[in-house]
């Protein structure tokens, strides 16, 4: 059932990559954790979370 648009499919891949990057975060350095940039919800661009 291929109902997703190309943009939606690409956005899903971006979020999957972000999820992997989150799982690789070294939390033993808390509170100075180097978090990956989160994707915007409506775009393929990345934002920097500070």
C-alpha atoms as a PDB file:
ATOM      1  CA  UNK A   1       0.000   0.000   0.000  1.00  0.00           C
ATOM      2  CA  UNK A   2       2.319   2.696  -1.279  1.00  0.00           C
ATOM      3  CA  UNK A   3       0.312   5.820  -0.433  1.00  0.00           C
ATOM      4  CA  UNK A   4       3.079   8.060   0.918  1.00  0.00           C
ATOM      5  CA  UNK A   5       4.403  10.829  -1.291  1.00  0.00           C
ATOM      6  CA  UNK A   6       8.091  10.988  -2.182  1.00  0.00           C
ATOM      7  CA  UNK A   7       8.522  13.864   0.278  1.00  0.00           C
ATOM      8  CA  UNK A   8       6.827  11.905   3.073  1.00  0.00           C
ATOM      9  CA  UNK A   9       9.039   8.895   2.375  1.00  0.00           C
ATOM     10  CA  UNK A  10      12.145  11.081   2.432  1.00  0.00           C
ATOM     11  CA  UNK A  11      11.039  12.729   5.667  1.00  0.00           C
ATOM     12  CA  UNK A  12      10.519   9.315   7.252  1.00  0.00           C
ATOM     13  CA  UNK A  13      14.089   8.372   6.329  1.00  0.00           C
ATOM     14  CA  UNK A  14      15.363  11.594   7.925  1.00  0.00           C
ATOM     15  CA  UNK A  15      13.509  10.793  11.165  1.00  0.00           C
ATOM     16  CA  UNK A  16      14.811   7.209  11.131  1.00  0.00           C
ATOM     17  CA  UNK A  17      18.364   8.510  10.799  1.00  0.00           C
ATOM     18  CA  UNK A  18      17.734  10.947  13.665  1.00  0.00           C
ATOM     19  CA  UNK A  19      16.459   8.078  15.831  1.00  0.00           C
ATOM     20  CA  UNK A  20      19.672   6.131  15.196  1.00  0.00           C
ATOM     21  CA  UNK A  21      21.770   9.194  16.047  1.00  0.00           C
ATOM     22  CA  UNK A  22      19.833   9.649  19.307  1.00  0.00           C
ATOM     23  CA  UNK A  23      20.537   6.051  20.262  1.00  0.00           C
ATOM     24  CA  UNK A  24      24.255   6.694  19.772  1.00  0.00           C
ATOM     25  CA  UNK A  25      24.382   9.712  22.100  1.00  0.00           C
ATOM     26  CA  UNK A  26      26.870   9.280  24.944  1.00  0.00           C
ATOM     27  CA  UNK A  27      24.766  10.187  27.969  1.00  0.00           C
ATOM     28  CA  UNK A  28      27.635   9.529  30.363  1.00  0.00           C
ATOM     29  CA  UNK A  29      28.796  13.085  29.637  1.00  0.00           C
ATOM     30  CA  UNK A  30      25.607  14.622  31.102  1.00  0.00           C
ATOM     31  CA  UNK A  31      24.807  17.445  31.426  1.00  0.00           C
ATOM     32  CA  UNK A  32      27.146  18.290  28.520  1.00  0.00           C
ATOM     33  CA  UNK A  33      25.506  15.938  26.028  1.00  0.00           C
ATOM     34  CA  UNK A  34      26.139  16.604  22.339  1.00  0.00           C
ATOM     35  CA  UNK A  35      22.622  16.124  20.951  1.00  0.00           C
ATOM     36  CA  UNK A  36      22.087  15.629  17.194  1.00  0.00           C
ATOM     37  CA  UNK A  37      20.083  18.245  15.314  1.00  0.00           C
ATOM     38  CA  UNK A  38      16.382  17.380  15.126  1.00  0.00           C
ATOM     39  CA  UNK A  39      14.558  17.436  11.794  1.00  0.00           C
ATOM     40  CA  UNK A  40      11.789  19.970  11.309  1.00  0.00           C
ATOM     41  CA  UNK A  41       8.367  18.349  11.225  1.00  0.00           C
ATOM     42  CA  UNK A  42       7.325  19.828   7.899  1.00  0.00           C
ATOM     43  CA  UNK A  43      10.613  19.932   6.026  1.00  0.00           C
ATOM     44  CA  UNK A  44      13.629  17.861   5.059  1.00  0.00           C
ATOM     45  CA  UNK A  45      15.923  20.545   6.482  1.00  0.00           C
ATOM     46  CA  UNK A  46      17.641  20.075   9.821  1.00  0.00           C
ATOM     47  CA  UNK A  47      17.567  22.570  12.659  1.00  0.00           C
ATOM     48  CA  UNK A  48      20.098  23.006  15.419  1.00  0.00           C
ATOM     49  CA  UNK A  49      18.704  22.397  18.886  1.00  0.00           C
ATOM     50  CA  UNK A  50      20.514  24.499  21.471  1.00  0.00           C
END
